[in-house]
Structures are given as structure tokens and as C-alpha cells.
Amino acid sequence: MARNGIAKGANSGFVTEQRERAPRPSRSTGKLGKRTALCREIAREVAGLSPYERRILDMIKTGGSAADKRIYKFAKRRLGSHKRAVAKREDIKAVNSKMRAKQAGAN
């Protein structure tokens, strides 16, 4: 906050220019790196989907009115948290759309 040169008050103190500080390394924690992303992509390509992920994919394909909720509940039971379940649901939806795009391109 800028100081106003007055001895008392909210912005009291000698007037100085604020320096732009470099972001701390802790700010980048949790970001997905290039190498990790590549490794995960290769692992998914080689190993494929796990059995519970195949079940989620099947639920997506069969669809229905409450498919999203059913998928979420199933994933939450398997993965343990809301955040992980929602992320997995979106991940498997992306896999499904990629597979459908690939098949559409092949035809």
C-alpha cells in the first residue's frame, strides 16, 4: 500500500516506491509439468483404462437421464473425494470424446 508521508494514520510512513517481487516457488505447486503430462499420456496409451474407468466409460456410453450423477457417485465411492470424482468423470468424458472423434475420422 502506498504511504503518504504523514506520521499518523492508515498509510503513515516515509513515501517509497513498491518493488515488484518475484513470485514465490510455492505458487507453482501443483501445476502439471510437460514431462509428467507426457509420461501420463504414454502410460494411458500403453496400459489403457482400469476396470472401474471402463465401467464409467460404459455408463457414459449408455447415458440416461441421471448418468452424470450415477457416474459421480460411483467415482466418489472408488476415489474417496468429491474433487477427485468430478475430475475423473471429466477425464473419462474427454477420453470418450477423443475415441468418438478418432472413429469419426476413420470412417
PDB file of N, CA and C in Angstrom:
ATOM      1  N   MET A   1       0.844  -1.176   0.000  1.00  0.00           N
ATOM      2  CA  MET A   1       0.000   0.000   0.000  1.00  0.00           C
ATOM      3  C   MET A   1       0.893   1.244   0.000  1.00  0.00           C
ATOM      4  N   ALA A   2       0.507   2.250  -0.753  1.00  0.00           N
ATOM      5  CA  ALA A   2       1.300   3.481  -0.850  1.00  0.00           C
ATOM      6  C   ALA A   2       1.235   4.260   0.454  1.00  0.00           C
ATOM      7  N   ARG A   3       2.373   4.806   0.858  1.00  0.00           N
ATOM      8  CA  ARG A   3       2.415   5.625   2.068  1.00  0.00           C
ATOM      9  C   ARG A   3       2.264   7.090   1.676  1.00  0.00           C
ATOM     10  N   ASN A   4       1.801   7.908   2.615  1.00  0.00           N
ATOM     11  CA  ASN A   4       1.502   9.304   2.265  1.00  0.00           C
ATOM     12  C   ASN A   4       2.449  10.326   2.902  1.00  0.00           C
ATOM     13  N   GLY A   5       3.444   9.873   3.654  1.00  0.00           N
ATOM     14  CA  GLY A   5       4.405  10.795   4.238  1.00  0.00           C
ATOM     15  C   GLY A   5       3.973  11.430   5.543  1.00  0.00           C
ATOM     16  N   ILE A   6       2.794  11.100   6.027  1.00  0.00           N
ATOM     17  CA  ILE A   6       2.291  11.654   7.281  1.00  0.00           C
ATOM     18  C   ILE A   6       2.584  10.639   8.395  1.00  0.00           C
ATOM     19  N   ALA A   7       2.939  11.151   9.575  1.00  0.00           N
ATOM     20  CA  ALA A   7       3.377  10.289  10.679  1.00  0.00           C
ATOM     21  C   ALA A   7       2.262   9.429  11.256  1.00  0.00           C
ATOM     22  N   LYS A   8       1.014   9.897  11.199  1.00  0.00           N
ATOM     23  CA  LYS A   8      -0.098   9.147  11.779  1.00  0.00           C
ATOM     24  C   LYS A   8      -1.105   8.775  10.695  1.00  0.00           C
ATOM     25  N   GLY A   9      -1.880   7.749  10.981  1.00  0.00           N
ATOM     26  CA  GLY A   9      -2.959   7.382  10.082  1.00  0.00           C
ATOM     27  C   GLY A   9      -2.734   6.023   9.426  1.00  0.00           C
ATOM     28  N   ALA A  10      -3.673   5.678   8.556  1.00  0.00           N
ATOM     29  CA  ALA A  10      -3.668   4.355   7.932  1.00  0.00           C
ATOM     30  C   ALA A  10      -2.461   4.145   7.031  1.00  0.00           C
ATOM     31  N   ASN A  11      -2.106   5.112   6.201  1.00  0.00           N
ATOM     32  CA  ASN A  11      -0.995   4.973   5.257  1.00  0.00           C
ATOM     33  C   ASN A  11       0.224   5.766   5.723  1.00  0.00           C
ATOM     34  N   SER A  12       0.495   5.748   7.011  1.00  0.00           N
ATOM     35  CA  SER A  12       1.574   6.571   7.555  1.00  0.00           C
ATOM     36  C   SER A  12       2.942   6.020   7.165  1.00  0.00           C
ATOM     37  N   GLY A  13       3.936   6.893   7.142  1.00  0.00           N
ATOM     38  CA  GLY A  13       5.310   6.473   6.891  1.00  0.00           C
ATOM     39  C   GLY A  13       5.947   7.194   5.733  1.00  0.00           C
ATOM     40  N   PHE A  14       7.247   6.952   5.575  1.00  0.00           N
ATOM     41  CA  PHE A  14       8.035   7.588   4.526  1.00  0.00           C
ATOM     42  C   PHE A  14       7.563   7.086   3.162  1.00  0.00           C
ATOM     43  N   VAL A  15       7.428   8.016   2.184  1.00  0.00           N
ATOM     44  CA  VAL A  15       6.931   7.658   0.859  1.00  0.00           C
ATOM     45  C   VAL A  15       8.025   6.906   0.097  1.00  0.00           C
ATOM     46  N   THR A  16       7.725   5.681  -0.282  1.00  0.00           N
ATOM     47  CA  THR A  16       8.670   4.856  -1.054  1.00  0.00           C
ATOM     48  C   THR A  16       7.940   4.228  -2.223  1.00  0.00           C
ATOM     49  N   GLU A  17       8.712   3.696  -3.146  1.00  0.00           N
ATOM     50  CA  GLU A  17       8.131   3.041  -4.323  1.00  0.00           C
ATOM     51  C   GLU A  17       8.087   1.536  -4.070  1.00  0.00           C
ATOM     52  N   GLN A  18       6.933   0.912  -4.297  1.00  0.00           N
ATOM     53  CA  GLN A  18       6.800  -0.521  -4.083  1.00  0.00           C
ATOM     54  C   GLN A  18       7.580  -1.270  -5.161  1.00  0.00           C
ATOM     55  N   ARG A  19       8.386  -2.238  -4.747  1.00  0.00           N
ATOM     56  CA  ARG A  19       9.107  -3.072  -5.703  1.00  0.00           C
ATOM     57  C   ARG A  19       8.214  -4.233  -6.136  1.00  0.00           C
ATOM     58  N   GLU A  20       8.343  -4.612  -7.389  1.00  0.00           N
ATOM     59  CA  GLU A  20       7.637  -5.784  -7.894  1.00  0.00           C
ATOM     60  C   GLU A  20       8.435  -7.006  -7.474  1.00  0.00           C
ATOM     61  N   ARG A  21       7.830  -7.858  -6.662  1.00  0.00           N
ATOM     62  CA  ARG A  21       8.544  -9.024  -6.168  1.00  0.00           C
ATOM     63  C   ARG A  21       8.297 -10.235  -7.039  1.00  0.00           C
ATOM     64  N   ALA A  22       9.319 -11.068  -7.178  1.00  0.00           N
ATOM     65  CA  ALA A  22       9.195 -12.299  -7.968  1.00  0.00           C
ATOM     66  C   ALA A  22       8.266 -13.264  -7.239  1.00  0.00           C
ATOM     67  N   PRO A  23       7.454 -14.013  -7.974  1.00  0.00           N
ATOM     68  CA  PRO A  23       6.561 -14.955  -7.310  1.00  0.00           C
ATOM     69  C   PRO A  23       7.342 -16.045  -6.586  1.00  0.00           C
ATOM     70  N   ARG A  24       6.834 -16.451  -5.446  1.00  0.00           N
ATOM     71  CA  ARG A  24       7.499 -17.490  -4.661  1.00  0.00           C
ATOM     72  C   ARG A  24       7.347 -18.854  -5.341  1.00  0.00           C
ATOM     73  N   PRO A  25       8.303 -19.735  -5.176  1.00  0.00           N
ATOM     74  CA  PRO A  25       8.213 -21.071  -5.797  1.00  0.00           C
ATOM     75  C   PRO A  25       6.965 -21.844  -5.362  1.00  0.00           C
ATOM     76  N   SER A  26       6.474 -21.561  -4.151  1.00  0.00           N
ATOM     77  CA  SER A  26       5.301 -22.282  -3.655  1.00  0.00           C
ATOM     78  C   SER A  26       4.051 -21.983  -4.487  1.00  0.00           C
ATOM     79  N   ARG A  27       4.080 -20.882  -5.223  1.00  0.00           N
ATOM     80  CA  ARG A  27       2.916 -20.529  -6.061  1.00  0.00           C
ATOM     81  C   ARG A  27       2.737 -21.491  -7.232  1.00  0.00           C
ATOM     82  N   SER A  28       3.813 -22.157  -7.655  1.00  0.00           N
ATOM     83  CA  SER A  28       3.734 -23.049  -8.812  1.00  0.00           C
ATOM     84  C   SER A  28       3.460 -24.492  -8.408  1.00  0.00           C
ATOM     85  N   THR A  29       3.258 -24.746  -7.111  1.00  0.00           N
ATOM     86  CA  THR A  29       2.993 -26.100  -6.633  1.00  0.00           C
ATOM     87  C   THR A  29       1.688 -26.628  -7.219  1.00  0.00           C
ATOM     88  N   GLY A  30       1.730 -27.852  -7.699  1.00  0.00           N
ATOM     89  CA  GLY A  30       0.525 -28.497  -8.211  1.00  0.00           C
ATOM     90  C   GLY A  30       0.282 -28.306  -9.694  1.00  0.00           C
ATOM     91  N   LYS A  31       1.079 -27.476 -10.363  1.00  0.00           N
ATOM     92  CA  LYS A  31       0.917 -27.305 -11.804  1.00  0.00           C
ATOM     93  C   LYS A  31       1.468 -28.528 -12.518  1.00  0.00           C
ATOM     94  N   LEU A  32       0.812 -28.919 -13.587  1.00  0.00           N
ATOM     95  CA  LEU A  32       1.229 -30.090 -14.341  1.00  0.00           C
ATOM     96  C   LEU A  32       2.373 -29.721 -15.268  1.00  0.00           C
ATOM     97  N   GLY A  33       3.510 -30.391 -15.092  1.00  0.00           N
ATOM     98  CA  GLY A  33       4.679 -30.134 -15.923  1.00  0.00           C
ATOM     99  C   GLY A  33       4.592 -30.876 -17.247  1.00  0.00           C
ATOM    100  N   LYS A  34       5.419 -30.473 -18.215  1.00  0.00           N
ATOM    101  CA  LYS A  34       5.412 -31.093 -19.547  1.00  0.00           C
ATOM    102  C   LYS A  34       5.789 -32.569 -19.469  1.00  0.00           C
ATOM    103  N   ARG A  35       6.855 -32.845 -18.705  1.00  0.00           N
ATOM    104  CA  ARG A  35       7.367 -34.214 -18.611  1.00  0.00           C
ATOM    105  C   ARG A  35       6.346 -35.142 -17.969  1.00  0.00           C
ATOM    106  N   THR A  36       5.724 -34.692 -16.887  1.00  0.00           N
ATOM    107  CA  THR A  36       4.725 -35.503 -16.189  1.00  0.00           C
ATOM    108  C   THR A  36       3.524 -35.766 -17.098  1.00  0.00           C
ATOM    109  N   ALA A  37       3.089 -34.737 -17.811  1.00  0.00           N
ATOM    110  CA  ALA A  37       1.950 -34.873 -18.725  1.00  0.00           C
ATOM    111  C   ALA A  37       2.260 -35.897 -19.811  1.00  0.00           C
ATOM    112  N   LEU A  38       3.469 -35.835 -20.353  1.00  0.00           N
ATOM    113  CA  LEU A  38       3.885 -36.769 -21.400  1.00  0.00           C
ATOM    114  C   LEU A  38       3.924 -38.196 -20.863  1.00  0.00           C
ATOM    115  N   CYS A  39       4.497 -38.379 -19.668  1.00  0.00           N
ATOM    116  CA  CYS A  39       4.573 -39.710 -19.046  1.00  0.00           C
ATOM    117  C   CYS A  39       3.185 -40.290 -18.819  1.00  0.00           C
ATOM    118  N   ARG A  40       2.282 -39.460 -18.326  1.00  0.00           N
ATOM    119  CA  ARG A  40       0.917 -39.931 -18.069  1.00  0.00           C
ATOM    120  C   ARG A  40       0.205 -40.309 -19.363  1.00  0.00           C
ATOM    121  N   GLU A  41       0.430 -39.511 -20.396  1.00  0.00           N
ATOM    122  CA  GLU A  41      -0.185 -39.780 -21.699  1.00  0.00           C
ATOM    123  C   GLU A  41       0.301 -41.110 -22.253  1.00  0.00           C
ATOM    124  N   ILE A  42       1.613 -41.351 -22.158  1.00  0.00           N
ATOM    125  CA  ILE A  42       2.187 -42.607 -22.656  1.00  0.00           C
ATOM    126  C   ILE A  42       1.673 -43.791 -21.845  1.00  0.00           C
ATOM    127  N   ALA A  43       1.603 -43.621 -20.521  1.00  0.00           N
ATOM    128  CA  ALA A  43       1.101 -44.693 -19.649  1.00  0.00           C
ATOM    129  C   ALA A  43      -0.350 -45.037 -19.985  1.00  0.00           C
ATOM    130  N   ARG A  44      -1.177 -44.016 -20.222  1.00  0.00           N
ATOM    131  CA  ARG A  44      -2.587 -44.237 -20.574  1.00  0.00           C
ATOM    132  C   ARG A  44      -2.692 -44.972 -21.917  1.00  0.00           C
ATOM    133  N   GLU A  45      -1.814 -44.590 -22.863  1.00  0.00           N
ATOM    134  CA  GLU A  45      -1.805 -45.197 -24.196  1.00  0.00           C
ATOM    135  C   GLU A  45      -1.422 -46.673 -24.109  1.00  0.00           C
ATOM    136  N   VAL A  46      -0.401 -46.971 -23.304  1.00  0.00           N
ATOM    137  CA  VAL A  46       0.119 -48.337 -23.208  1.00  0.00           C
ATOM    138  C   VAL A  46      -0.793 -49.221 -22.361  1.00  0.00           C
ATOM    139  N   ALA A  47      -1.166 -48.736 -21.170  1.00  0.00           N
ATOM    140  CA  ALA A  47      -1.906 -49.566 -20.217  1.00  0.00           C
ATOM    141  C   ALA A  47      -3.411 -49.545 -20.454  1.00  0.00           C
ATOM    142  N   GLY A  48      -3.925 -48.476 -21.052  1.00  0.00           N
ATOM    143  CA  GLY A  48      -5.362 -48.365 -21.268  1.00  0.00           C
ATOM    144  C   GLY A  48      -6.093 -47.962 -20.001  1.00  0.00           C
ATOM    145  N   LEU A  49      -7.395 -48.227 -19.967  1.00  0.00           N
ATOM    146  CA  LEU A  49      -8.221 -47.845 -18.817  1.00  0.00           C
ATOM    147  C   LEU A  49      -8.264 -48.977 -17.800  1.00  0.00           C
ATOM    148  N   SER A  50      -8.384 -48.607 -16.531  1.00  0.00           N
ATOM    149  CA  SER A  50      -8.550 -49.608 -15.479  1.00  0.00           C
ATOM    150  C   SER A  50     -10.008 -50.086 -15.513  1.00  0.00           C
ATOM    151  N   PRO A  51     -10.299 -51.216 -14.871  1.00  0.00           N
ATOM    152  CA  PRO A  51     -11.663 -51.756 -14.922  1.00  0.00           C
ATOM    153  C   PRO A  51     -12.746 -50.770 -14.468  1.00  0.00           C
ATOM    154  N   TYR A  52     -12.495 -50.029 -13.372  1.00  0.00           N
ATOM    155  CA  TYR A  52     -13.537 -49.096 -12.913  1.00  0.00           C
ATOM    156  C   TYR A  52     -13.694 -47.939 -13.889  1.00  0.00           C
ATOM    157  N   GLU A  53     -12.598 -47.555 -14.569  1.00  0.00           N
ATOM    158  CA  GLU A  53     -12.697 -46.496 -15.584  1.00  0.00           C
ATOM    159  C   GLU A  53     -13.488 -46.992 -16.793  1.00  0.00           C
ATOM    160  N   ARG A  54     -13.329 -48.276 -17.123  1.00  0.00           N
ATOM    161  CA  ARG A  54     -14.117 -48.855 -18.220  1.00  0.00           C
ATOM    162  C   ARG A  54     -15.599 -48.859 -17.881  1.00  0.00           C
ATOM    163  N   ARG A  55     -15.900 -49.109 -16.608  1.00  0.00           N
ATOM    164  CA  ARG A  55     -17.309 -49.071 -16.179  1.00  0.00           C
ATOM    165  C   ARG A  55     -17.878 -47.668 -16.307  1.00  0.00           C
ATOM    166  N   ILE A  56     -17.077 -46.664 -15.939  1.00  0.00           N
ATOM    167  CA  ILE A  56     -17.508 -45.269 -16.072  1.00  0.00           C
ATOM    168  C   ILE A  56     -17.743 -44.942 -17.545  1.00  0.00           C
ATOM    169  N   LEU A  57     -16.827 -45.401 -18.402  1.00  0.00           N
ATOM    170  CA  LEU A  57     -16.949 -45.174 -19.848  1.00  0.00           C
ATOM    171  C   LEU A  57     -18.238 -45.815 -20.379  1.00  0.00           C
ATOM    172  N   ASP A  58     -18.539 -47.008 -19.885  1.00  0.00           N
ATOM    173  CA  ASP A  58     -19.759 -47.704 -20.288  1.00  0.00           C
ATOM    174  C   ASP A  58     -20.998 -46.925 -19.843  1.00  0.00           C
ATOM    175  N   MET A  59     -20.945 -46.375 -18.624  1.00  0.00           N
ATOM    176  CA  MET A  59     -22.065 -45.556 -18.124  1.00  0.00           C
ATOM    177  C   MET A  59     -22.262 -44.327 -18.996  1.00  0.00           C
ATOM    178  N   ILE A  60     -21.155 -43.732 -19.450  1.00  0.00           N
ATOM    179  CA  ILE A  60     -21.236 -42.553 -20.319  1.00  0.00           C
ATOM    180  C   ILE A  60     -21.887 -42.941 -21.641  1.00  0.00           C
ATOM    181  N   LYS A  61     -21.468 -44.086 -22.185  1.00  0.00           N
ATOM    182  CA  LYS A  61     -21.994 -44.533 -23.480  1.00  0.00           C
ATOM    183  C   LYS A  61     -23.480 -44.875 -23.408  1.00  0.00           C
ATOM    184  N   THR A  62     -23.888 -45.567 -22.335  1.00  0.00           N
ATOM    185  CA  THR A  62     -25.306 -45.926 -22.209  1.00  0.00           C
ATOM    186  C   THR A  62     -26.143 -44.699 -21.895  1.00  0.00           C
ATOM    187  N   GLY A  63     -25.524 -43.738 -21.184  1.00  0.00           N
ATOM    188  CA  GLY A  63     -26.198 -42.460 -20.931  1.00  0.00           C
ATOM    189  C   GLY A  63     -27.365 -42.594 -19.986  1.00  0.00           C
ATOM    190  N   GLY A  64     -28.460 -41.952 -20.343  1.00  0.00           N
ATOM    191  CA  GLY A  64     -29.630 -41.919 -19.465  1.00  0.00           C
ATOM    192  C   GLY A  64     -29.794 -40.542 -18.858  1.00  0.00           C
ATOM    193  N   SER A  65     -30.889 -40.377 -18.137  1.00  0.00           N
ATOM    194  CA  SER A  65     -31.213 -39.053 -17.599  1.00  0.00           C
ATOM    195  C   SER A  65     -30.294 -38.649 -16.453  1.00  0.00           C
ATOM    196  N   ALA A  66     -29.983 -39.578 -15.565  1.00  0.00           N
ATOM    197  CA  ALA A  66     -29.167 -39.237 -14.397  1.00  0.00           C
ATOM    198  C   ALA A  66     -27.777 -39.868 -14.483  1.00  0.00           C
ATOM    199  N   ALA A  67     -27.243 -39.994 -15.704  1.00  0.00           N
ATOM    200  CA  ALA A  67     -25.952 -40.666 -15.897  1.00  0.00           C
ATOM    201  C   ALA A  67     -24.831 -39.929 -15.174  1.00  0.00           C
ATOM    202  N   ASP A  68     -24.818 -38.609 -15.283  1.00  0.00           N
ATOM    203  CA  ASP A  68     -23.750 -37.820 -14.659  1.00  0.00           C
ATOM    204  C   ASP A  68     -23.707 -38.046 -13.150  1.00  0.00           C
ATOM    205  N   LYS A  69     -24.876 -38.053 -12.535  1.00  0.00           N
ATOM    206  CA  LYS A  69     -24.951 -38.235 -11.086  1.00  0.00           C
ATOM    207  C   LYS A  69     -24.493 -39.646 -10.705  1.00  0.00           C
ATOM    208  N   ARG A  70     -24.928 -40.644 -11.484  1.00  0.00           N
ATOM    209  CA  ARG A  70     -24.556 -42.030 -11.213  1.00  0.00           C
ATOM    210  C   ARG A  70     -23.050 -42.228 -11.355  1.00  0.00           C
ATOM    211  N   ILE A  71     -22.488 -41.629 -12.403  1.00  0.00           N
ATOM    212  CA  ILE A  71     -21.039 -41.704 -12.630  1.00  0.00           C
ATOM    213  C   ILE A  71     -20.308 -41.051 -11.473  1.00  0.00           C
ATOM    214  N   TYR A  72     -20.795 -39.891 -11.056  1.00  0.00           N
ATOM    215  CA  TYR A  72     -20.166 -39.162  -9.951  1.00  0.00           C
ATOM    216  C   TYR A  72     -20.174 -39.996  -8.678  1.00  0.00           C
ATOM    217  N   LYS A  73     -21.327 -40.590  -8.356  1.00  0.00           N
ATOM    218  CA  LYS A  73     -21.449 -41.376  -7.129  1.00  0.00           C
ATOM    219  C   LYS A  73     -20.532 -42.593  -7.166  1.00  0.00           C
ATOM    220  N   PHE A  74     -20.463 -43.238  -8.329  1.00  0.00           N
ATOM    221  CA  PHE A  74     -19.596 -44.410  -8.496  1.00  0.00           C
ATOM    222  C   PHE A  74     -18.130 -44.023  -8.331  1.00  0.00           C
ATOM    223  N   ALA A  75     -17.734 -42.936  -8.997  1.00  0.00           N
ATOM    224  CA  ALA A  75     -16.344 -42.472  -8.928  1.00  0.00           C
ATOM    225  C   ALA A  75     -15.983 -42.018  -7.515  1.00  0.00           C
ATOM    226  N   LYS A  76     -16.904 -41.369  -6.853  1.00  0.00           N
ATOM    227  CA  LYS A  76     -16.651 -40.880  -5.487  1.00  0.00           C
ATOM    228  C   LYS A  76     -16.416 -42.049  -4.540  1.00  0.00           C
ATOM    229  N   ARG A  77     -17.188 -43.100  -4.730  1.00  0.00           N
ATOM    230  CA  ARG A  77     -17.021 -44.283  -3.889  1.00  0.00           C
ATOM    231  C   ARG A  77     -15.639 -44.906  -4.106  1.00  0.00           C
ATOM    232  N   ARG A  78     -15.196 -44.891  -5.364  1.00  0.00           N
ATOM    233  CA  ARG A  78     -13.904 -45.504  -5.686  1.00  0.00           C
ATOM    234  C   ARG A  78     -12.719 -44.620  -5.321  1.00  0.00           C
ATOM    235  N   LEU A  79     -12.871 -43.316  -5.480  1.00  0.00           N
ATOM    236  CA  LEU A  79     -11.732 -42.404  -5.325  1.00  0.00           C
ATOM    237  C   LEU A  79     -11.700 -41.668  -3.986  1.00  0.00           C
ATOM    238  N   GLY A  80     -12.832 -41.577  -3.306  1.00  0.00           N
ATOM    239  CA  GLY A  80     -12.826 -41.050  -1.956  1.00  0.00           C
ATOM    240  C   GLY A  80     -13.163 -39.593  -1.755  1.00  0.00           C
ATOM    241  N   SER A  81     -13.100 -38.748  -2.800  1.00  0.00           N
ATOM    242  CA  SER A  81     -13.422 -37.339  -2.575  1.00  0.00           C
ATOM    243  C   SER A  81     -14.216 -36.767  -3.742  1.00  0.00           C
ATOM    244  N   HIS A  82     -14.938 -35.710  -3.448  1.00  0.00           N
ATOM    245  CA  HIS A  82     -15.765 -35.029  -4.445  1.00  0.00           C
ATOM    246  C   HIS A  82     -14.916 -34.520  -5.605  1.00  0.00           C
ATOM    247  N   LYS A  83     -13.824 -33.844  -5.253  1.00  0.00           N
ATOM    248  CA  LYS A  83     -12.963 -33.216  -6.258  1.00  0.00           C
ATOM    249  C   LYS A  83     -12.375 -34.251  -7.220  1.00  0.00           C
ATOM    250  N   ARG A  84     -11.884 -35.351  -6.669  1.00  0.00           N
ATOM    251  CA  ARG A  84     -11.289 -36.407  -7.497  1.00  0.00           C
ATOM    252  C   ARG A  84     -12.338 -37.065  -8.385  1.00  0.00           C
ATOM    253  N   ALA A  85     -13.538 -37.254  -7.840  1.00  0.00           N
ATOM    254  CA  ALA A  85     -14.613 -37.894  -8.603  1.00  0.00           C
ATOM    255  C   ALA A  85     -15.022 -37.037  -9.790  1.00  0.00           C
ATOM    256  N   VAL A  86     -15.184 -35.746  -9.568  1.00  0.00           N
ATOM    257  CA  VAL A  86     -15.585 -34.829 -10.643  1.00  0.00           C
ATOM    258  C   VAL A  86     -14.488 -34.765 -11.706  1.00  0.00           C
ATOM    259  N   ALA A  87     -13.231 -34.714 -11.256  1.00  0.00           N
ATOM    260  CA  ALA A  87     -12.102 -34.659 -12.191  1.00  0.00           C
ATOM    261  C   ALA A  87     -12.034 -35.927 -13.033  1.00  0.00           C
ATOM    262  N   LYS A  88     -12.248 -37.081 -12.404  1.00  0.00           N
ATOM    263  CA  LYS A  88     -12.206 -38.367 -13.120  1.00  0.00           C
ATOM    264  C   LYS A  88     -13.337 -38.456 -14.121  1.00  0.00           C
ATOM    265  N   ARG A  89     -14.522 -37.992 -13.741  1.00  0.00           N
ATOM    266  CA  ARG A  89     -15.673 -38.003 -14.645  1.00  0.00           C
ATOM    267  C   ARG A  89     -15.371 -37.186 -15.901  1.00  0.00           C
ATOM    268  N   GLU A  90     -14.808 -35.990 -15.711  1.00  0.00           N
ATOM    269  CA  GLU A  90     -14.472 -35.128 -16.852  1.00  0.00           C
ATOM    270  C   GLU A  90     -13.364 -35.749 -17.695  1.00  0.00           C
ATOM    271  N   ASP A  91     -12.406 -36.404 -17.034  1.00  0.00           N
ATOM    272  CA  ASP A  91     -11.300 -37.059 -17.729  1.00  0.00           C
ATOM    273  C   ASP A  91     -11.815 -38.181 -18.632  1.00  0.00           C
ATOM    274  N   ILE A  92     -12.690 -39.016 -18.101  1.00  0.00           N
ATOM    275  CA  ILE A  92     -13.221 -40.142 -18.879  1.00  0.00           C
ATOM    276  C   ILE A  92     -14.143 -39.642 -19.992  1.00  0.00           C
ATOM    277  N   LYS A  93     -14.859 -38.544 -19.747  1.00  0.00           N
ATOM    278  CA  LYS A  93     -15.666 -37.937 -20.819  1.00  0.00           C
ATOM    279  C   LYS A  93     -14.776 -37.473 -21.956  1.00  0.00           C
ATOM    280  N   ALA A  94     -13.621 -36.891 -21.601  1.00  0.00           N
ATOM    281  CA  ALA A  94     -12.662 -36.442 -22.620  1.00  0.00           C
ATOM    282  C   ALA A  94     -12.124 -37.628 -23.413  1.00  0.00           C
ATOM    283  N   VAL A  95     -11.833 -38.736 -22.708  1.00  0.00           N
ATOM    284  CA  VAL A  95     -11.354 -39.956 -23.371  1.00  0.00           C
ATOM    285  C   VAL A  95     -12.413 -40.450 -24.343  1.00  0.00           C
ATOM    286  N   ASN A  96     -13.667 -40.445 -23.907  1.00  0.00           N
ATOM    287  CA  ASN A  96     -14.780 -40.891 -24.756  1.00  0.00           C
ATOM    288  C   ASN A  96     -14.910 -40.021 -26.000  1.00  0.00           C
ATOM    289  N   SER A  97     -14.847 -38.709 -25.823  1.00  0.00           N
ATOM    290  CA  SER A  97     -14.991 -37.808 -26.977  1.00  0.00           C
ATOM    291  C   SER A  97     -13.813 -37.969 -27.933  1.00  0.00           C
ATOM    292  N   LYS A  98     -12.614 -38.223 -27.388  1.00  0.00           N
ATOM    293  CA  LYS A  98     -11.436 -38.443 -28.227  1.00  0.00           C
ATOM    294  C   LYS A  98     -11.588 -39.726 -29.048  1.00  0.00           C
ATOM    295  N   MET A  99     -12.129 -40.781 -28.396  1.00  0.00           N
ATOM    296  CA  MET A  99     -12.357 -42.050 -29.090  1.00  0.00           C
ATOM    297  C   MET A  99     -13.387 -41.888 -30.199  1.00  0.00           C
ATOM    298  N   ARG A 100     -14.446 -41.132 -29.903  1.00  0.00           N
ATOM    299  CA  ARG A 100     -15.503 -40.913 -30.906  1.00  0.00           C
ATOM    300  C   ARG A 100     -14.977 -40.095 -32.090  1.00  0.00           C
ATOM    301  N   ALA A 101     -14.147 -39.099 -31.793  1.00  0.00           N
ATOM    302  CA  ALA A 101     -13.549 -38.282 -32.854  1.00  0.00           C
ATOM    303  C   ALA A 101     -12.635 -39.124 -33.724  1.00  0.00           C
ATOM    304  N   LYS A 102     -11.884 -40.025 -33.076  1.00  0.00           N
ATOM    305  CA  LYS A 102     -10.979 -40.894 -33.811  1.00  0.00           C
ATOM    306  C   LYS A 102     -11.747 -41.841 -34.747  1.00  0.00           C
ATOM    307  N   GLN A 103     -12.867 -42.379 -34.234  1.00  0.00           N
ATOM    308  CA  GLN A 103     -13.704 -43.265 -35.055  1.00  0.00           C
ATOM    309  C   GLN A 103     -14.360 -42.505 -36.202  1.00  0.00           C
ATOM    310  N   ALA A 104     -14.788 -41.282 -35.941  1.00  0.00           N
ATOM    311  CA  ALA A 104     -15.401 -40.460 -36.987  1.00  0.00           C
ATOM    312  C   ALA A 104     -14.384 -40.136 -38.077  1.00  0.00           C
ATOM    313  N   GLY A 105     -13.146 -39.938 -37.680  1.00  0.00           N
ATOM    314  CA  GLY A 105     -12.071 -39.660 -38.643  1.00  0.00           C
ATOM    315  C   GLY A 105     -11.714 -40.875 -39.466  1.00  0.00           C
ATOM    316  N   ALA A 106     -11.847 -42.064 -38.863  1.00  0.00           N
ATOM    317  CA  ALA A 106     -11.516 -43.331 -39.549  1.00  0.00           C
ATOM    318  C   ALA A 106     -12.563 -43.667 -40.604  1.00  0.00           C
ATOM    319  N   ASN A 107     -13.823 -43.284 -40.348  1.00  0.00           N
ATOM    320  CA  ASN A 107     -14.910 -43.614 -41.303  1.00  0.00           C
ATOM    321  C   ASN A 107     -14.899 -42.704 -42.512  1.00  0.00           C
TER     322      ASN A 107
END
